[in-house]
Amino acid sequence: MKTMNEKVTMVTGAAAGIGLVSAEAFAKAGATVVLVDINEPKEQAEKLVSEGYKAVAYRCDVSDTRAVKEMIDWIVATYGRLDAALNNAGIQTPQRPMAEITDEEFDRTVAVDLKGVWNCMRYEIIQMLKQGGGAIVNTSSQGGVTGFPGQAAYIACKHAVIGLTRTAAIDYSAKGIRINAVCPGVIRTPMAEELIRRNPDLEKELVRDIPAGRLGKPEEIANAVLWLCSPQASFVDGHALLVDGAFSIH
């Protein structure tokens, strides 16, 4: 279904994993999609174009406020508007107890995982107010409503993203801007694969606690994001949508 036909969309953290698959979903739903990553996802965008979709790559460090403003300005100058955005860029701290996380690791995690979302939302909202509406989805995590050992800085940011999402939704709902969060469970992404590579028993331990009995697929998150940005979710606002195989209620 071309639920995003003729819409202009952007996805941060689009070089791989959930971000890339979500960008592909937007493109296949008819949107023009700007793939954003600190490592410019040029090959990924070119692949979509070669398949007949509308896509372009853009390099941006979302922790850099000025760079984010310049990116949104470029999107609007190039395409005239911005209808939907997935603020998905994120990093993880090394897995160890909270007191062992360094100031530098904490500050960098907050800069990307929280301030990066803040930066993107600010300029997305400014543009969407000018054009009369839009839809924003922020990537939180199942860890945004629970805890996870050894990931204090990351989990703190994911909780904060939900609070930011809910508050901004209240601020802008009446102005036609819907703002939601998606909360993925353990998804088979390059980031998860790296954690599993370092700890071969981790996958078995994770699956044991997921009632669905498996890890999630990036496509399952992309489908949720696409729905939240689509007209089908027109009265869904300020929601943190868990897509985690029932982990968080187990």
Protein backbone atom coordinates (compact mmCIF):
# COMPACT_ATOMS: atom_id res chain seq x y z
CA MET A 1 0.00 0.00 0.00
CA LYS A 2 1.29 3.46 -0.93
CA THR A 3 0.44 4.92 2.48
CA MET A 4 3.19 7.54 2.18
CA ASN A 5 2.72 8.42 -1.47
CA GLU A 6 4.30 11.77 -2.39
CA LYS A 7 5.41 12.38 1.21
CA VAL A 8 8.90 13.61 2.11
CA THR A 9 10.45 11.61 4.94
CA MET A 10 13.76 11.31 6.75
CA VAL A 11 15.36 8.57 8.85
CA THR A 12 18.41 9.03 11.07
CA GLY A 13 20.69 6.11 11.81
CA ALA A 14 19.78 4.88 8.35
CA ALA A 15 23.03 3.14 7.39
CA ALA A 16 21.99 -0.23 8.83
CA GLY A 17 19.57 -2.11 11.04
CA ILE A 18 16.19 -0.66 11.99
CA GLY A 19 16.99 2.68 10.39
CA LEU A 20 17.85 1.23 7.00
CA VAL A 21 14.90 -1.15 6.91
CA SER A 22 12.56 1.68 7.96
CA ALA A 23 13.94 3.90 5.20
CA GLU A 24 13.28 1.10 2.73
CA ALA A 25 9.73 0.77 4.06
CA PHE A 26 9.08 4.50 3.58
CA ALA A 27 10.43 4.34 0.04
CA LYS A 28 8.32 1.30 -0.85
CA ALA A 29 5.26 3.07 0.57
CA GLY A 30 5.77 5.84 -2.00
CA ALA A 31 7.75 8.42 -0.05
CA THR A 32 10.85 10.33 -0.93
CA VAL A 33 13.23 9.33 1.86
CA VAL A 34 16.38 11.05 3.09
CA LEU A 35 18.71 8.46 4.63
CA VAL A 36 20.74 10.17 7.35
CA ASP A 37 23.74 8.77 9.19
CA ILE A 38 27.07 9.92 10.58
CA ASN A 39 28.51 7.50 8.00
CA GLU A 40 26.85 8.77 4.83
CA PRO A 41 24.63 5.90 3.58
CA LYS A 42 25.32 6.62 -0.07
CA GLU A 43 25.33 3.01 -1.26
CA GLN A 44 22.09 2.27 0.59
CA ALA A 45 20.33 5.23 -1.02
CA GLU A 46 21.73 4.42 -4.46
CA LYS A 47 20.43 0.86 -4.16
CA LEU A 48 16.91 2.15 -3.49
CA VAL A 49 17.15 4.51 -6.46
CA SER A 50 18.34 1.65 -8.68
CA GLU A 51 15.21 -0.26 -7.65
CA GLY A 52 12.99 2.60 -8.77
CA TYR A 53 12.42 4.35 -5.43
CA LYS A 54 13.06 7.96 -4.40
CA ALA A 55 15.94 8.24 -1.95
CA VAL A 56 18.99 10.33 -1.16
CA ALA A 57 21.80 10.05 1.39
CA TYR A 58 22.84 12.78 3.82
CA ARG A 59 25.69 12.76 6.31
CA CYS A 60 24.92 14.27 9.71
CA ASP A 61 26.06 13.94 13.32
CA VAL A 62 22.75 14.36 15.15
CA SER A 63 24.54 15.46 18.33
CA ASP A 64 25.64 18.61 16.46
CA THR A 65 22.79 21.12 16.75
CA ARG A 66 23.98 23.32 13.90
CA ALA A 67 24.46 20.35 11.58
CA VAL A 68 20.91 19.16 12.28
CA LYS A 69 19.45 22.60 11.49
CA GLU A 70 21.43 22.69 8.25
CA MET A 71 20.12 19.23 7.36
CA ILE A 72 16.47 20.17 7.86
CA ASP A 73 17.03 23.41 5.94
CA TRP A 74 18.55 21.39 3.09
CA ILE A 75 15.65 18.93 3.00
CA VAL A 76 13.12 21.77 2.84
CA ALA A 77 15.13 23.70 0.24
CA THR A 78 15.40 20.55 -1.88
CA TYR A 79 11.94 19.01 -1.49
CA GLY A 80 9.79 21.84 -0.17
CA ARG A 81 8.60 20.15 3.01
CA LEU A 82 9.12 17.40 5.57
CA ASP A 83 6.11 15.20 6.27
CA ALA A 84 7.48 12.46 8.50
CA ALA A 85 10.65 11.60 10.39
CA LEU A 86 12.10 8.67 12.29
CA ASN A 87 14.68 9.83 14.83
CA ASN A 88 16.51 6.56 15.21
CA ALA A 89 20.25 7.30 15.47
CA GLY A 90 21.74 5.81 18.61
CA ILE A 91 24.77 4.25 20.25
CA GLN A 92 25.32 1.98 23.24
CA THR A 93 27.80 2.27 26.07
CA PRO A 94 30.10 -0.65 26.86
CA GLN A 95 28.24 -3.19 28.96
CA ARG A 96 29.34 -2.81 32.55
CA PRO A 97 27.89 -1.62 35.89
CA MET A 98 26.85 2.02 36.15
CA ALA A 99 29.65 3.14 38.47
CA GLU A 100 32.23 1.89 35.96
CA ILE A 101 30.91 3.97 33.05
CA THR A 102 33.22 6.91 32.40
CA ASP A 103 32.13 10.53 32.12
CA GLU A 104 33.14 10.51 28.46
CA GLU A 105 31.04 7.42 27.70
CA PHE A 106 28.03 8.85 29.52
CA ASP A 107 28.31 12.24 27.84
CA ARG A 108 28.65 10.72 24.36
CA THR A 109 25.65 8.44 24.89
CA VAL A 110 23.50 11.33 26.05
CA ALA A 111 24.74 13.50 23.17
CA VAL A 112 23.60 11.00 20.54
CA ASP A 113 20.73 9.06 22.12
CA LEU A 114 18.95 11.97 23.82
CA LYS A 115 20.27 15.30 22.57
CA GLY A 116 20.31 13.90 19.04
CA VAL A 117 16.58 13.20 19.29
CA TRP A 118 16.02 16.62 20.86
CA ASN A 119 17.94 18.36 18.07
CA CYS A 120 16.07 16.57 15.30
CA MET A 121 12.65 17.05 16.89
CA ARG A 122 13.23 20.77 17.40
CA TYR A 123 13.89 21.53 13.76
CA GLU A 124 11.40 18.99 12.44
CA ILE A 125 8.70 20.62 14.56
CA ILE A 126 9.66 24.14 13.46
CA GLN A 127 9.23 23.08 9.83
CA MET A 128 6.04 21.09 10.45
CA LEU A 129 4.47 24.09 12.18
CA LYS A 130 5.16 26.18 9.07
CA GLN A 131 3.56 23.64 6.74
CA GLY A 132 0.60 22.76 8.98
CA GLY A 133 1.46 19.30 10.31
CA GLY A 134 3.50 16.13 10.15
CA ALA A 135 4.39 12.94 12.00
CA ILE A 136 7.45 12.15 14.09
CA VAL A 137 8.54 8.81 15.55
CA ASN A 138 11.39 8.54 18.04
CA THR A 139 13.18 5.26 18.64
CA SER A 140 13.16 4.36 22.32
CA SER A 141 13.46 0.73 23.44
CA GLN A 142 11.85 -1.92 25.58
CA GLY A 143 14.56 -0.63 27.90
CA GLY A 144 12.67 2.67 27.93
CA VAL A 145 10.11 1.04 30.20
CA THR A 146 12.29 -1.55 31.94
CA GLY A 147 15.95 -1.87 32.93
CA PHE A 148 18.85 -3.83 31.52
CA PRO A 149 22.05 -4.71 33.37
CA GLY A 150 25.20 -2.91 32.37
CA GLN A 151 23.51 -0.29 30.17
CA ALA A 152 22.68 2.51 32.61
CA ALA A 153 23.47 5.46 30.33
CA TYR A 154 21.70 3.94 27.31
CA ILE A 155 18.62 2.94 29.32
CA ALA A 156 18.42 6.35 30.99
CA CYS A 157 18.36 7.99 27.56
CA LYS A 158 15.67 5.63 26.29
CA HIS A 159 13.45 6.44 29.28
CA ALA A 160 14.04 10.13 28.61
CA VAL A 161 13.09 9.76 24.93
CA ILE A 162 9.65 8.51 25.98
CA GLY A 163 9.19 11.47 28.33
CA LEU A 164 10.28 13.86 25.60
CA THR A 165 7.92 12.22 23.12
CA ARG A 166 4.91 12.40 25.42
CA THR A 167 5.49 16.02 26.42
CA ALA A 168 6.09 17.22 22.85
CA ALA A 169 2.94 15.38 21.74
CA ILE A 170 0.91 17.41 24.22
CA ASP A 171 2.56 20.62 23.08
CA TYR A 172 1.89 20.11 19.37
CA SER A 173 -1.05 17.73 18.96
CA ALA A 174 -3.55 20.54 18.36
CA LYS A 175 -1.23 21.94 15.68
CA GLY A 176 -1.40 18.81 13.54
CA ILE A 177 1.92 17.26 14.53
CA ARG A 178 1.72 13.71 15.87
CA ILE A 179 4.72 12.53 17.91
CA ASN A 180 5.10 8.92 18.99
CA ALA A 181 7.84 6.53 20.06
CA VAL A 182 8.56 2.99 19.01
CA CYS A 183 10.08 0.69 21.62
CA PRO A 184 11.83 -2.25 19.98
CA GLY A 185 12.62 -5.38 21.90
CA VAL A 186 15.75 -7.36 21.11
CA ILE A 187 15.99 -7.10 17.33
CA ARG A 188 18.43 -8.94 15.11
CA THR A 189 20.38 -5.86 14.01
CA PRO A 190 24.14 -5.40 13.52
CA MET A 191 24.29 -3.87 17.01
CA ALA A 192 22.61 -6.90 18.57
CA GLU A 193 24.71 -9.28 16.51
CA GLU A 194 27.86 -7.63 17.85
CA LEU A 195 26.69 -8.07 21.45
CA ILE A 196 25.89 -11.72 20.74
CA ARG A 197 29.27 -12.21 19.05
CA ARG A 198 31.02 -11.02 22.20
CA ASN A 199 28.85 -13.25 24.38
CA PRO A 200 27.80 -16.45 22.56
CA ASP A 201 25.37 -17.44 25.33
CA LEU A 202 23.55 -14.09 25.21
CA GLU A 203 21.04 -14.99 22.49
CA LYS A 204 19.85 -18.06 24.36
CA GLU A 205 19.50 -16.00 27.54
CA LEU A 206 17.57 -13.26 25.74
CA VAL A 207 15.19 -15.62 23.96
CA ARG A 208 14.47 -17.40 27.23
CA ASP A 209 12.86 -14.20 28.52
CA ILE A 210 10.86 -13.40 25.37
CA PRO A 211 7.43 -15.07 25.38
CA ALA A 212 7.41 -15.03 21.56
CA GLY A 213 10.44 -17.34 21.70
CA ARG A 214 12.65 -15.48 19.25
CA LEU A 215 14.42 -12.23 18.50
CA GLY A 216 12.54 -9.63 16.52
CA LYS A 217 13.19 -8.67 12.90
CA PRO A 218 14.02 -5.13 11.76
CA GLU A 219 11.08 -5.34 9.35
CA GLU A 220 8.72 -5.73 12.31
CA ILE A 221 9.88 -2.42 13.73
CA ALA A 222 9.77 -0.74 10.32
CA ASN A 223 6.15 -1.82 9.89
CA ALA A 224 5.26 -0.21 13.23
CA VAL A 225 7.08 3.00 12.30
CA LEU A 226 5.38 3.17 8.92
CA TRP A 227 1.97 2.73 10.53
CA LEU A 228 2.63 5.40 13.16
CA CYS A 229 3.55 7.87 10.41
CA SER A 230 0.65 6.95 8.16
CA PRO A 231 -2.92 8.32 7.99
CA GLN A 232 -4.10 5.01 9.49
CA ALA A 233 -2.68 6.18 12.84
CA SER A 234 -4.26 9.65 12.67
CA PHE A 235 -5.51 9.58 16.30
CA VAL A 236 -2.42 7.92 17.79
CA ASP A 237 -0.34 10.57 19.53
CA GLY A 238 2.08 10.56 22.46
CA HIS A 239 2.19 6.77 22.47
CA ALA A 240 5.18 4.54 23.21
CA LEU A 241 4.53 1.45 21.09
CA LEU A 242 6.22 -1.69 22.41
CA VAL A 243 7.27 -4.13 19.70
CA ASP A 244 9.03 -6.71 21.84
CA GLY A 245 7.36 -10.11 21.62
CA ALA A 246 5.70 -9.53 25.04
CA PHE A 247 9.05 -9.23 26.85
CA SER A 248 8.10 -6.17 28.88
CA ILE A 249 4.91 -7.71 30.28
CA HIS A 250 6.45 -11.10 30.99
